[in-house]
């Protein structure tokens, strides 16, 4: 994992890992997993230079952008997957919005199939993630009990 600070309240890192292949590939491809390179950037919006909220904490927004490249699959150099997480405080609850997309950087004769299969797999993955996340209870820590680092 490589981390690099960028403008105030922003960070970026690159991670590499292996991931199982869950979408159908042409019969000549016998891969069960692929190497993955993921570049993530994170930005806290609505804070001052000390990391403190400029106004109420409800105005803070955390944005995490992720660009994912699958290195071993056919046509891998033609596209990547983008995922954006936006976390904000709404009244007394937190709201998480997840957006996904498949971006092509080169022309590819299988673009529609790759896009369809990728979006279907992303939908399945994040639907399962949402079920698990909503089953978890998170308790808000009162301000007077928070620690300062």
C-alpha atoms as a PDB file:
ATOM      1  CA  UNK A   1       0.000   0.000   0.000  1.00  0.00           C
ATOM      2  CA  UNK A   2       1.402   3.388  -1.022  1.00  0.00           C
ATOM      3  CA  UNK A   3      -0.106   6.475   0.660  1.00  0.00           C
ATOM      4  CA  UNK A   4       0.558  10.043  -0.356  1.00  0.00           C
ATOM      5  CA  UNK A   5      -0.937  13.173   1.189  1.00  0.00           C
ATOM      6  CA  UNK A   6      -2.450  15.600  -1.299  1.00  0.00           C
ATOM      7  CA  UNK A   7      -4.186  18.948  -0.556  1.00  0.00           C
ATOM      8  CA  UNK A   8      -5.378  19.578   3.020  1.00  0.00           C
ATOM      9  CA  UNK A   9      -7.893  16.996   4.234  1.00  0.00           C
ATOM     10  CA  UNK A  10      -7.253  14.775   1.195  1.00  0.00           C
ATOM     11  CA  UNK A  11      -5.293  11.569   0.874  1.00  0.00           C
ATOM     12  CA  UNK A  12      -4.535   9.094  -1.897  1.00  0.00           C
ATOM     13  CA  UNK A  13      -3.248   5.541  -1.942  1.00  0.00           C
ATOM     14  CA  UNK A  14      -2.729   2.666  -4.326  1.00  0.00           C
ATOM     15  CA  UNK A  15      -3.428  -0.893  -3.235  1.00  0.00           C
ATOM     16  CA  UNK A  16      -2.901  -4.165  -5.086  1.00  0.00           C
ATOM     17  CA  UNK A  17      -4.582  -7.461  -4.331  1.00  0.00           C
ATOM     18  CA  UNK A  18      -6.076 -10.577  -5.944  1.00  0.00           C
ATOM     19  CA  UNK A  19      -9.787 -10.911  -6.531  1.00  0.00           C
ATOM     20  CA  UNK A  20     -11.894 -13.893  -7.651  1.00  0.00           C
ATOM     21  CA  UNK A  21     -13.443 -13.663 -11.104  1.00  0.00           C
ATOM     22  CA  UNK A  22     -17.217 -13.995 -10.792  1.00  0.00           C
ATOM     23  CA  UNK A  23     -18.286 -13.032 -14.307  1.00  0.00           C
ATOM     24  CA  UNK A  24     -18.292 -15.394 -17.280  1.00  0.00           C
ATOM     25  CA  UNK A  25     -15.213 -15.135 -19.468  1.00  0.00           C
ATOM     26  CA  UNK A  26     -14.618 -16.648 -22.897  1.00  0.00           C
ATOM     27  CA  UNK A  27     -13.956 -20.391 -22.757  1.00  0.00           C
ATOM     28  CA  UNK A  28     -10.277 -19.942 -23.678  1.00  0.00           C
ATOM     29  CA  UNK A  29      -9.708 -17.980 -20.445  1.00  0.00           C
ATOM     30  CA  UNK A  30      -9.155 -20.303 -17.510  1.00  0.00           C
ATOM     31  CA  UNK A  31      -8.512 -17.739 -14.760  1.00  0.00           C
ATOM     32  CA  UNK A  32     -10.086 -18.124 -11.340  1.00  0.00           C
ATOM     33  CA  UNK A  33      -8.731 -14.815 -10.035  1.00  0.00           C
ATOM     34  CA  UNK A  34      -7.044 -11.650 -11.234  1.00  0.00           C
ATOM     35  CA  UNK A  35      -4.567  -9.139  -9.903  1.00  0.00           C
ATOM     36  CA  UNK A  36      -6.247  -5.830  -9.115  1.00  0.00           C
ATOM     37  CA  UNK A  37      -4.811  -2.332  -8.824  1.00  0.00           C
ATOM     38  CA  UNK A  38      -7.010   0.132  -6.984  1.00  0.00           C
ATOM     39  CA  UNK A  39      -6.266   3.827  -6.626  1.00  0.00           C
ATOM     40  CA  UNK A  40      -8.267   5.519  -3.886  1.00  0.00           C
ATOM     41  CA  UNK A  41      -8.542   9.184  -2.992  1.00  0.00           C
ATOM     42  CA  UNK A  42     -10.314  10.524   0.055  1.00  0.00           C
ATOM     43  CA  UNK A  43     -11.379  14.089   0.789  1.00  0.00           C
ATOM     44  CA  UNK A  44     -13.106  15.643   3.782  1.00  0.00           C
ATOM     45  CA  UNK A  45     -15.164  18.573   2.539  1.00  0.00           C
ATOM     46  CA  UNK A  46     -16.326  21.334   4.864  1.00  0.00           C
ATOM     47  CA  UNK A  47     -13.427  21.474   7.309  1.00  0.00           C
ATOM     48  CA  UNK A  48     -10.835  24.131   8.127  1.00  0.00           C
ATOM     49  CA  UNK A  49      -7.027  23.724   8.040  1.00  0.00           C
ATOM     50  CA  UNK A  50      -7.034  22.000  11.453  1.00  0.00           C
ATOM     51  CA  UNK A  51      -9.496  19.315  10.346  1.00  0.00           C
ATOM     52  CA  UNK A  52     -12.316  20.920  12.335  1.00  0.00           C
ATOM     53  CA  UNK A  53     -15.755  21.581  10.949  1.00  0.00           C
ATOM     54  CA  UNK A  54     -16.141  25.118   9.656  1.00  0.00           C
ATOM     55  CA  UNK A  55     -19.657  25.095  11.037  1.00  0.00           C
ATOM     56  CA  UNK A  56     -21.747  22.224  12.348  1.00  0.00           C
ATOM     57  CA  UNK A  57     -20.587  18.628  11.880  1.00  0.00           C
ATOM     58  CA  UNK A  58     -23.695  18.103   9.737  1.00  0.00           C
ATOM     59  CA  UNK A  59     -21.955  20.082   6.979  1.00  0.00           C
ATOM     60  CA  UNK A  60     -19.036  17.650   6.685  1.00  0.00           C
ATOM     61  CA  UNK A  61     -18.966  15.357   3.688  1.00  0.00           C
ATOM     62  CA  UNK A  62     -16.504  12.503   3.192  1.00  0.00           C
ATOM     63  CA  UNK A  63     -15.878  11.571  -0.454  1.00  0.00           C
ATOM     64  CA  UNK A  64     -13.909   8.461  -1.404  1.00  0.00           C
ATOM     65  CA  UNK A  65     -13.177   7.873  -5.078  1.00  0.00           C
ATOM     66  CA  UNK A  66     -11.825   4.532  -6.205  1.00  0.00           C
ATOM     67  CA  UNK A  67     -10.494   3.600  -9.646  1.00  0.00           C
ATOM     68  CA  UNK A  68     -10.117  -0.162 -10.110  1.00  0.00           C
ATOM     69  CA  UNK A  69      -8.137  -1.947 -12.842  1.00  0.00           C
ATOM     70  CA  UNK A  70      -8.250  -5.715 -13.332  1.00  0.00           C
ATOM     71  CA  UNK A  71      -4.828  -6.652 -14.620  1.00  0.00           C
ATOM     72  CA  UNK A  72      -5.130 -10.260 -15.860  1.00  0.00           C
ATOM     73  CA  UNK A  73      -8.458 -10.440 -17.671  1.00  0.00           C
ATOM     74  CA  UNK A  74      -8.895 -10.020 -21.441  1.00  0.00           C
ATOM     75  CA  UNK A  75      -9.219  -6.402 -22.600  1.00  0.00           C
ATOM     76  CA  UNK A  76      -8.148  -5.197 -19.137  1.00  0.00           C
ATOM     77  CA  UNK A  77      -6.235  -2.281 -20.639  1.00  0.00           C
ATOM     78  CA  UNK A  78      -9.431  -1.030 -22.290  1.00  0.00           C
ATOM     79  CA  UNK A  79     -11.466  -0.174 -19.200  1.00  0.00           C
ATOM     80  CA  UNK A  80     -11.545   0.444 -15.481  1.00  0.00           C
ATOM     81  CA  UNK A  81     -14.253   0.620 -12.848  1.00  0.00           C
ATOM     82  CA  UNK A  82     -14.957   3.766 -10.835  1.00  0.00           C
ATOM     83  CA  UNK A  83     -16.671   3.678  -7.447  1.00  0.00           C
ATOM     84  CA  UNK A  84     -17.553   6.796  -5.440  1.00  0.00           C
ATOM     85  CA  UNK A  85     -18.677   6.748  -1.810  1.00  0.00           C
ATOM     86  CA  UNK A  86     -20.214   9.931  -0.375  1.00  0.00           C
ATOM     87  CA  UNK A  87     -20.878   9.932   3.368  1.00  0.00           C
ATOM     88  CA  UNK A  88     -22.767  12.816   4.988  1.00  0.00           C
ATOM     89  CA  UNK A  89     -24.661  13.524   8.177  1.00  0.00           C
ATOM     90  CA  UNK A  90     -28.407  13.996   7.600  1.00  0.00           C
ATOM     91  CA  UNK A  91     -30.231  15.132  10.734  1.00  0.00           C
ATOM     92  CA  UNK A  92     -29.446  12.394  13.288  1.00  0.00           C
ATOM     93  CA  UNK A  93     -28.335   9.732  10.808  1.00  0.00           C
ATOM     94  CA  UNK A  94     -25.524   9.164   8.348  1.00  0.00           C
ATOM     95  CA  UNK A  95     -26.281   8.804   4.652  1.00  0.00           C
ATOM     96  CA  UNK A  96     -24.023   6.828   2.327  1.00  0.00           C
ATOM     97  CA  UNK A  97     -24.392   7.107  -1.436  1.00  0.00           C
ATOM     98  CA  UNK A  98     -22.442   4.695  -3.636  1.00  0.00           C
ATOM     99  CA  UNK A  99     -22.092   5.364  -7.370  1.00  0.00           C
ATOM    100  CA  UNK A 100     -20.424   2.975  -9.819  1.00  0.00           C
ATOM    101  CA  UNK A 101     -19.445   3.143 -13.471  1.00  0.00           C
ATOM    102  CA  UNK A 102     -17.383   1.390 -16.099  1.00  0.00           C
ATOM    103  CA  UNK A 103     -15.151   3.742 -18.083  1.00  0.00           C
ATOM    104  CA  UNK A 104     -13.503   2.730 -21.336  1.00  0.00           C
ATOM    105  CA  UNK A 105     -10.128   4.223 -22.188  1.00  0.00           C
ATOM    106  CA  UNK A 106      -9.752   2.337 -25.487  1.00  0.00           C
ATOM    107  CA  UNK A 107     -12.136   1.094 -28.110  1.00  0.00           C
ATOM    108  CA  UNK A 108     -13.134  -2.529 -27.553  1.00  0.00           C
ATOM    109  CA  UNK A 109     -15.359  -4.777 -29.625  1.00  0.00           C
ATOM    110  CA  UNK A 110     -16.791  -6.330 -26.428  1.00  0.00           C
ATOM    111  CA  UNK A 111     -17.542  -3.011 -24.713  1.00  0.00           C
ATOM    112  CA  UNK A 112     -21.291  -3.612 -24.272  1.00  0.00           C
ATOM    113  CA  UNK A 113     -20.765  -7.113 -22.829  1.00  0.00           C
ATOM    114  CA  UNK A 114     -17.982  -5.967 -20.500  1.00  0.00           C
ATOM    115  CA  UNK A 115     -20.086  -3.002 -19.324  1.00  0.00           C
ATOM    116  CA  UNK A 116     -23.188  -5.171 -18.795  1.00  0.00           C
ATOM    117  CA  UNK A 117     -21.352  -7.948 -16.921  1.00  0.00           C
ATOM    118  CA  UNK A 118     -19.326  -5.503 -14.818  1.00  0.00           C
ATOM    119  CA  UNK A 119     -22.354  -3.446 -13.782  1.00  0.00           C
ATOM    120  CA  UNK A 120     -24.315  -6.611 -12.971  1.00  0.00           C
ATOM    121  CA  UNK A 121     -21.477  -7.883 -10.759  1.00  0.00           C
ATOM    122  CA  UNK A 122     -21.114  -4.474  -9.081  1.00  0.00           C
ATOM    123  CA  UNK A 123     -24.867  -4.373  -8.415  1.00  0.00           C
ATOM    124  CA  UNK A 124     -24.761  -7.835  -6.803  1.00  0.00           C
ATOM    125  CA  UNK A 125     -21.680  -6.967  -4.732  1.00  0.00           C
ATOM    126  CA  UNK A 126     -22.998  -3.646  -3.406  1.00  0.00           C
ATOM    127  CA  UNK A 127     -26.520  -4.998  -2.807  1.00  0.00           C
ATOM    128  CA  UNK A 128     -25.022  -7.684  -0.569  1.00  0.00           C
ATOM    129  CA  UNK A 129     -22.762  -5.079   1.061  1.00  0.00           C
ATOM    130  CA  UNK A 130     -25.781  -2.829   1.767  1.00  0.00           C
ATOM    131  CA  UNK A 131     -27.698  -5.714   3.381  1.00  0.00           C
ATOM    132  CA  UNK A 132     -24.777  -6.463   5.671  1.00  0.00           C
ATOM    133  CA  UNK A 133     -24.145  -2.791   6.466  1.00  0.00           C
ATOM    134  CA  UNK A 134     -27.781  -2.089   7.347  1.00  0.00           C
ATOM    135  CA  UNK A 135     -27.786  -5.111   9.665  1.00  0.00           C
ATOM    136  CA  UNK A 136     -25.000  -3.463  11.672  1.00  0.00           C
ATOM    137  CA  UNK A 137     -25.958  -0.916  14.305  1.00  0.00           C
ATOM    138  CA  UNK A 138     -23.680   2.082  14.716  1.00  0.00           C
ATOM    139  CA  UNK A 139     -23.982   4.207  17.829  1.00  0.00           C
ATOM    140  CA  UNK A 140     -23.200   7.924  17.670  1.00  0.00           C
ATOM    141  CA  UNK A 141     -20.676   8.926  20.329  1.00  0.00           C
ATOM    142  CA  UNK A 142     -21.739  12.073  22.232  1.00  0.00           C
ATOM    143  CA  UNK A 143     -19.362  15.031  21.703  1.00  0.00           C
ATOM    144  CA  UNK A 144     -18.327  15.128  25.356  1.00  0.00           C
ATOM    145  CA  UNK A 145     -17.106  11.509  25.141  1.00  0.00           C
ATOM    146  CA  UNK A 146     -14.994  11.866  21.974  1.00  0.00           C
ATOM    147  CA  UNK A 147     -11.212  11.855  22.233  1.00  0.00           C
ATOM    148  CA  UNK A 148      -8.990  14.313  20.380  1.00  0.00           C
ATOM    149  CA  UNK A 149      -5.941  12.886  18.571  1.00  0.00           C
END
